[in-house]
């Protein structure tokens, strides 16, 4: 599982594009507000295990 800092507010465009080694992503304990286009695109192993906090108001097209 990837650990993200609690102060994380955004994940930029293509940040983890094509990263097949991610198996789960827990963003619940972050201040996340924005997930950019293609941020997790192509992360086939992680798609079924992503926790997104309620603070996230923008998930861009193609983010996953």
PDB file of N, CA and C in Angstrom:
ATOM      1  N   UNK A   1       0.842  -1.171   0.000  1.00  0.00           N
ATOM      2  CA  UNK A   1       0.000   0.000   0.000  1.00  0.00           C
ATOM      3  C   UNK A   1       0.891   1.239   0.000  1.00  0.00           C
ATOM      4  N   UNK A   2       0.478   2.250  -0.756  1.00  0.00           N
ATOM      5  CA  UNK A   2       1.217   3.504  -0.804  1.00  0.00           C
ATOM      6  C   UNK A   2       0.772   4.409   0.332  1.00  0.00           C
ATOM      7  N   UNK A   3       1.727   5.073   0.963  1.00  0.00           N
ATOM      8  CA  UNK A   3       1.420   6.005   2.049  1.00  0.00           C
ATOM      9  C   UNK A   3       1.542   7.432   1.525  1.00  0.00           C
ATOM     10  N   UNK A   4       0.532   8.226   1.762  1.00  0.00           N
ATOM     11  CA  UNK A   4       0.522   9.611   1.328  1.00  0.00           C
ATOM     12  C   UNK A   4       0.446  10.508   2.548  1.00  0.00           C
ATOM     13  N   UNK A   5       1.090  11.690   2.515  1.00  0.00           N
ATOM     14  CA  UNK A   5       1.044  12.585   3.679  1.00  0.00           C
ATOM     15  C   UNK A   5      -0.367  13.138   3.889  1.00  0.00           C
ATOM     16  N   UNK A   6      -0.712  13.423   5.125  1.00  0.00           N
ATOM     17  CA  UNK A   6      -2.053  13.921   5.448  1.00  0.00           C
ATOM     18  C   UNK A   6      -2.317  15.291   4.823  1.00  0.00           C
ATOM     19  N   UNK A   7      -1.276  16.017   4.453  1.00  0.00           N
ATOM     20  CA  UNK A   7      -1.424  17.349   3.865  1.00  0.00           C
ATOM     21  C   UNK A   7      -1.598  17.323   2.347  1.00  0.00           C
ATOM     22  N   UNK A   8      -1.584  16.143   1.744  1.00  0.00           N
ATOM     23  CA  UNK A   8      -1.725  16.020   0.293  1.00  0.00           C
ATOM     24  C   UNK A   8      -3.045  16.618  -0.175  1.00  0.00           C
ATOM     25  N   UNK A   9      -2.974  17.600  -1.104  1.00  0.00           N
ATOM     26  CA  UNK A   9      -4.190  18.246  -1.600  1.00  0.00           C
ATOM     27  C   UNK A   9      -4.475  17.924  -3.056  1.00  0.00           C
ATOM     28  N   UNK A  10      -3.455  17.522  -3.820  1.00  0.00           N
ATOM     29  CA  UNK A  10      -3.702  17.211  -5.222  1.00  0.00           C
ATOM     30  C   UNK A  10      -2.736  16.154  -5.726  1.00  0.00           C
ATOM     31  N   UNK A  11      -3.213  15.411  -6.719  1.00  0.00           N
ATOM     32  CA  UNK A  11      -2.389  14.442  -7.424  1.00  0.00           C
ATOM     33  C   UNK A  11      -2.403  14.899  -8.876  1.00  0.00           C
ATOM     34  N   UNK A  12      -1.264  15.257  -9.382  1.00  0.00           N
ATOM     35  CA  UNK A  12      -1.155  15.880 -10.693  1.00  0.00           C
ATOM     36  C   UNK A  12      -1.381  14.962 -11.877  1.00  0.00           C
ATOM     37  N   UNK A  13      -1.466  15.591 -13.040  1.00  0.00           N
ATOM     38  CA  UNK A  13      -1.694  14.900 -14.294  1.00  0.00           C
ATOM     39  C   UNK A  13      -0.649  13.816 -14.524  1.00  0.00           C
ATOM     40  N   UNK A  14      -1.107  12.581 -14.728  1.00  0.00           N
ATOM     41  CA  UNK A  14      -0.215  11.475 -15.048  1.00  0.00           C
ATOM     42  C   UNK A  14       0.743  11.065 -13.950  1.00  0.00           C
ATOM     43  N   UNK A  15       0.457  11.431 -12.712  1.00  0.00           N
ATOM     44  CA  UNK A  15       1.381  11.173 -11.600  1.00  0.00           C
ATOM     45  C   UNK A  15       1.805   9.713 -11.484  1.00  0.00           C
ATOM     46  N   UNK A  16       0.892   8.789 -11.665  1.00  0.00           N
ATOM     47  CA  UNK A  16       1.200   7.363 -11.524  1.00  0.00           C
ATOM     48  C   UNK A  16       0.819   6.584 -12.786  1.00  0.00           C
ATOM     49  N   UNK A  17       0.748   7.259 -13.909  1.00  0.00           N
ATOM     50  CA  UNK A  17       0.291   6.633 -15.145  1.00  0.00           C
ATOM     51  C   UNK A  17       1.098   5.363 -15.459  1.00  0.00           C
ATOM     52  N   UNK A  18       0.391   4.287 -15.677  1.00  0.00           N
ATOM     53  CA  UNK A  18       1.023   3.028 -16.054  1.00  0.00           C
ATOM     54  C   UNK A  18       1.774   2.314 -14.951  1.00  0.00           C
ATOM     55  N   UNK A  19       1.627   2.740 -13.712  1.00  0.00           N
ATOM     56  CA  UNK A  19       2.344   2.117 -12.599  1.00  0.00           C
ATOM     57  C   UNK A  19       1.640   0.826 -12.195  1.00  0.00           C
ATOM     58  N   UNK A  20       2.134  -0.280 -12.661  1.00  0.00           N
ATOM     59  CA  UNK A  20       1.488  -1.566 -12.389  1.00  0.00           C
ATOM     60  C   UNK A  20       1.888  -2.162 -11.042  1.00  0.00           C
ATOM     61  N   UNK A  21       2.851  -1.574 -10.355  1.00  0.00           N
ATOM     62  CA  UNK A  21       3.285  -2.117  -9.065  1.00  0.00           C
ATOM     63  C   UNK A  21       2.408  -1.668  -7.895  1.00  0.00           C
ATOM     64  N   UNK A  22       1.552  -0.673  -8.102  1.00  0.00           N
ATOM     65  CA  UNK A  22       0.627  -0.256  -7.044  1.00  0.00           C
ATOM     66  C   UNK A  22      -0.438  -1.332  -6.885  1.00  0.00           C
ATOM     67  N   UNK A  23      -0.634  -1.796  -5.662  1.00  0.00           N
ATOM     68  CA  UNK A  23      -1.649  -2.822  -5.434  1.00  0.00           C
ATOM     69  C   UNK A  23      -2.873  -2.272  -4.716  1.00  0.00           C
ATOM     70  N   UNK A  24      -2.709  -1.197  -3.934  1.00  0.00           N
ATOM     71  CA  UNK A  24      -3.836  -0.519  -3.305  1.00  0.00           C
ATOM     72  C   UNK A  24      -3.416   0.903  -2.969  1.00  0.00           C
ATOM     73  N   UNK A  25      -4.395   1.786  -2.906  1.00  0.00           N
ATOM     74  CA  UNK A  25      -4.123   3.194  -2.638  1.00  0.00           C
ATOM     75  C   UNK A  25      -5.131   3.673  -1.608  1.00  0.00           C
ATOM     76  N   UNK A  26      -4.654   4.170  -0.471  1.00  0.00           N
ATOM     77  CA  UNK A  26      -5.539   4.672   0.566  1.00  0.00           C
ATOM     78  C   UNK A  26      -5.281   6.161   0.745  1.00  0.00           C
ATOM     79  N   UNK A  27      -6.235   6.965   0.311  1.00  0.00           N
ATOM     80  CA  UNK A  27      -6.124   8.421   0.412  1.00  0.00           C
ATOM     81  C   UNK A  27      -7.050   8.972   1.493  1.00  0.00           C
ATOM     82  N   UNK A  28      -7.694   8.083   2.266  1.00  0.00           N
ATOM     83  CA  UNK A  28      -8.670   8.486   3.281  1.00  0.00           C
ATOM     84  C   UNK A  28      -8.148   9.491   4.293  1.00  0.00           C
ATOM     85  N   UNK A  29      -6.912   9.390   4.687  1.00  0.00           N
ATOM     86  CA  UNK A  29      -6.366  10.265   5.731  1.00  0.00           C
ATOM     87  C   UNK A  29      -5.644  11.478   5.164  1.00  0.00           C
ATOM     88  N   UNK A  30      -6.047  11.909   3.975  1.00  0.00           N
ATOM     89  CA  UNK A  30      -5.417  13.070   3.359  1.00  0.00           C
ATOM     90  C   UNK A  30      -6.433  14.201   3.217  1.00  0.00           C
ATOM     91  N   UNK A  31      -5.932  15.379   2.864  1.00  0.00           N
ATOM     92  CA  UNK A  31      -6.779  16.544   2.610  1.00  0.00           C
ATOM     93  C   UNK A  31      -7.026  16.682   1.110  1.00  0.00           C
ATOM     94  N   UNK A  32      -6.963  15.581   0.393  1.00  0.00           N
ATOM     95  CA  UNK A  32      -7.054  15.568  -1.065  1.00  0.00           C
ATOM     96  C   UNK A  32      -8.297  16.286  -1.578  1.00  0.00           C
ATOM     97  N   UNK A  33      -8.077  17.162  -2.580  1.00  0.00           N
ATOM     98  CA  UNK A  33      -9.166  17.913  -3.199  1.00  0.00           C
ATOM     99  C   UNK A  33      -9.264  17.653  -4.697  1.00  0.00           C
ATOM    100  N   UNK A  34      -8.156  17.253  -5.335  1.00  0.00           N
ATOM    101  CA  UNK A  34      -8.099  17.189  -6.801  1.00  0.00           C
ATOM    102  C   UNK A  34      -7.269  15.994  -7.264  1.00  0.00           C
ATOM    103  N   UNK A  35      -7.797  15.257  -8.237  1.00  0.00           N
ATOM    104  CA  UNK A  35      -7.048  14.196  -8.906  1.00  0.00           C
ATOM    105  C   UNK A  35      -7.026  14.557 -10.383  1.00  0.00           C
ATOM    106  N   UNK A  36      -5.844  14.738 -10.925  1.00  0.00           N
ATOM    107  CA  UNK A  36      -5.681  15.196 -12.302  1.00  0.00           C
ATOM    108  C   UNK A  36      -5.907  14.127 -13.350  1.00  0.00           C
ATOM    109  N   UNK A  37      -6.018  14.549 -14.615  1.00  0.00           N
ATOM    110  CA  UNK A  37      -6.219  13.618 -15.720  1.00  0.00           C
ATOM    111  C   UNK A  37      -5.111  12.569 -15.781  1.00  0.00           C
ATOM    112  N   UNK A  38      -5.480  11.352 -16.027  1.00  0.00           N
ATOM    113  CA  UNK A  38      -4.538  10.231 -16.180  1.00  0.00           C
ATOM    114  C   UNK A  38      -3.680   9.973 -14.950  1.00  0.00           C
ATOM    115  N   UNK A  39      -4.059  10.498 -13.798  1.00  0.00           N
ATOM    116  CA  UNK A  39      -3.252  10.332 -12.586  1.00  0.00           C
ATOM    117  C   UNK A  39      -2.963   8.868 -12.279  1.00  0.00           C
ATOM    118  N   UNK A  40      -3.964   8.015 -12.404  1.00  0.00           N
ATOM    119  CA  UNK A  40      -3.796   6.586 -12.128  1.00  0.00           C
ATOM    120  C   UNK A  40      -4.142   5.734 -13.351  1.00  0.00           C
ATOM    121  N   UNK A  41      -4.145   6.339 -14.514  1.00  0.00           N
ATOM    122  CA  UNK A  41      -4.489   5.624 -15.739  1.00  0.00           C
ATOM    123  C   UNK A  41      -3.496   4.504 -16.000  1.00  0.00           C
ATOM    124  N   UNK A  42      -3.997   3.324 -16.256  1.00  0.00           N
ATOM    125  CA  UNK A  42      -3.126   2.186 -16.544  1.00  0.00           C
ATOM    126  C   UNK A  42      -2.616   1.465 -15.314  1.00  0.00           C
ATOM    127  N   UNK A  43      -3.126   1.805 -14.144  1.00  0.00           N
ATOM    128  CA  UNK A  43      -2.727   1.132 -12.906  1.00  0.00           C
ATOM    129  C   UNK A  43      -3.682  -0.028 -12.648  1.00  0.00           C
ATOM    130  N   UNK A  44      -3.655  -1.002 -13.502  1.00  0.00           N
ATOM    131  CA  UNK A  44      -4.622  -2.106 -13.481  1.00  0.00           C
ATOM    132  C   UNK A  44      -4.677  -2.851 -12.152  1.00  0.00           C
ATOM    133  N   UNK A  45      -3.571  -2.988 -11.458  1.00  0.00           N
ATOM    134  CA  UNK A  45      -3.547  -3.732 -10.196  1.00  0.00           C
ATOM    135  C   UNK A  45      -4.148  -2.961  -9.035  1.00  0.00           C
ATOM    136  N   UNK A  46      -4.286  -1.641  -9.143  1.00  0.00           N
ATOM    137  CA  UNK A  46      -4.761  -0.826  -8.023  1.00  0.00           C
ATOM    138  C   UNK A  46      -6.213  -0.387  -8.170  1.00  0.00           C
ATOM    139  N   UNK A  47      -6.760  -0.479  -9.346  1.00  0.00           N
ATOM    140  CA  UNK A  47      -8.082   0.072  -9.609  1.00  0.00           C
ATOM    141  C   UNK A  47      -9.159  -0.437  -8.658  1.00  0.00           C
ATOM    142  N   UNK A  48      -9.083  -1.671  -8.238  1.00  0.00           N
ATOM    143  CA  UNK A  48     -10.128  -2.209  -7.375  1.00  0.00           C
ATOM    144  C   UNK A  48      -9.925  -1.882  -5.894  1.00  0.00           C
ATOM    145  N   UNK A  49      -8.866  -1.186  -5.547  1.00  0.00           N
ATOM    146  CA  UNK A  49      -8.571  -0.918  -4.141  1.00  0.00           C
ATOM    147  C   UNK A  49      -8.118   0.521  -3.908  1.00  0.00           C
ATOM    148  N   UNK A  50      -8.978   1.476  -4.260  1.00  0.00           N
ATOM    149  CA  UNK A  50      -8.651   2.885  -4.055  1.00  0.00           C
ATOM    150  C   UNK A  50      -9.682   3.496  -3.122  1.00  0.00           C
ATOM    151  N   UNK A  51      -9.206   4.113  -2.033  1.00  0.00           N
ATOM    152  CA  UNK A  51     -10.072   4.824  -1.085  1.00  0.00           C
ATOM    153  C   UNK A  51      -9.857   6.318  -1.272  1.00  0.00           C
ATOM    154  N   UNK A  52     -10.926   7.032  -1.599  1.00  0.00           N
ATOM    155  CA  UNK A  52     -10.846   8.472  -1.853  1.00  0.00           C
ATOM    156  C   UNK A  52     -11.634   9.197  -0.764  1.00  0.00           C
ATOM    157  N   UNK A  53     -11.033  10.235  -0.149  1.00  0.00           N
ATOM    158  CA  UNK A  53     -11.726  10.942   0.930  1.00  0.00           C
ATOM    159  C   UNK A  53     -12.858  11.827   0.411  1.00  0.00           C
ATOM    160  N   UNK A  54     -13.792  12.156   1.275  1.00  0.00           N
ATOM    161  CA  UNK A  54     -14.898  13.030   0.922  1.00  0.00           C
ATOM    162  C   UNK A  54     -14.467  14.437   0.563  1.00  0.00           C
ATOM    163  N   UNK A  55     -13.254  14.827   0.952  1.00  0.00           N
ATOM    164  CA  UNK A  55     -12.749  16.165   0.648  1.00  0.00           C
ATOM    165  C   UNK A  55     -12.402  16.329  -0.827  1.00  0.00           C
ATOM    166  N   UNK A  56     -12.302  15.235  -1.561  1.00  0.00           N
ATOM    167  CA  UNK A  56     -11.941  15.287  -2.976  1.00  0.00           C
ATOM    168  C   UNK A  56     -13.156  15.716  -3.786  1.00  0.00           C
ATOM    169  N   UNK A  57     -13.103  16.920  -4.330  1.00  0.00           N
ATOM    170  CA  UNK A  57     -14.240  17.475  -5.072  1.00  0.00           C
ATOM    171  C   UNK A  57     -14.063  17.413  -6.577  1.00  0.00           C
ATOM    172  N   UNK A  58     -12.836  17.175  -7.047  1.00  0.00           N
ATOM    173  CA  UNK A  58     -12.602  17.123  -8.493  1.00  0.00           C
ATOM    174  C   UNK A  58     -11.800  15.866  -8.835  1.00  0.00           C
ATOM    175  N   UNK A  59     -12.419  15.013  -9.635  1.00  0.00           N
ATOM    176  CA  UNK A  59     -11.722  13.856 -10.204  1.00  0.00           C
ATOM    177  C   UNK A  59     -11.799  14.038 -11.708  1.00  0.00           C
ATOM    178  N   UNK A  60     -10.690  14.359 -12.313  1.00  0.00           N
ATOM    179  CA  UNK A  60     -10.662  14.683 -13.738  1.00  0.00           C
ATOM    180  C   UNK A  60     -10.983  13.486 -14.614  1.00  0.00           C
ATOM    181  N   UNK A  61     -11.442  13.771 -15.815  1.00  0.00           N
ATOM    182  CA  UNK A  61     -11.741  12.738 -16.792  1.00  0.00           C
ATOM    183  C   UNK A  61     -10.488  11.909 -17.052  1.00  0.00           C
ATOM    184  N   UNK A  62     -10.647  10.611 -17.088  1.00  0.00           N
ATOM    185  CA  UNK A  62      -9.522   9.724 -17.369  1.00  0.00           C
ATOM    186  C   UNK A  62      -8.563   9.543 -16.216  1.00  0.00           C
ATOM    187  N   UNK A  63      -8.924   9.983 -15.019  1.00  0.00           N
ATOM    188  CA  UNK A  63      -8.029   9.871 -13.870  1.00  0.00           C
ATOM    189  C   UNK A  63      -7.670   8.424 -13.569  1.00  0.00           C
ATOM    190  N   UNK A  64      -8.626   7.522 -13.831  1.00  0.00           N
ATOM    191  CA  UNK A  64      -8.402   6.108 -13.590  1.00  0.00           C
ATOM    192  C   UNK A  64      -8.520   5.340 -14.880  1.00  0.00           C
TER     193      UNK A  64
END
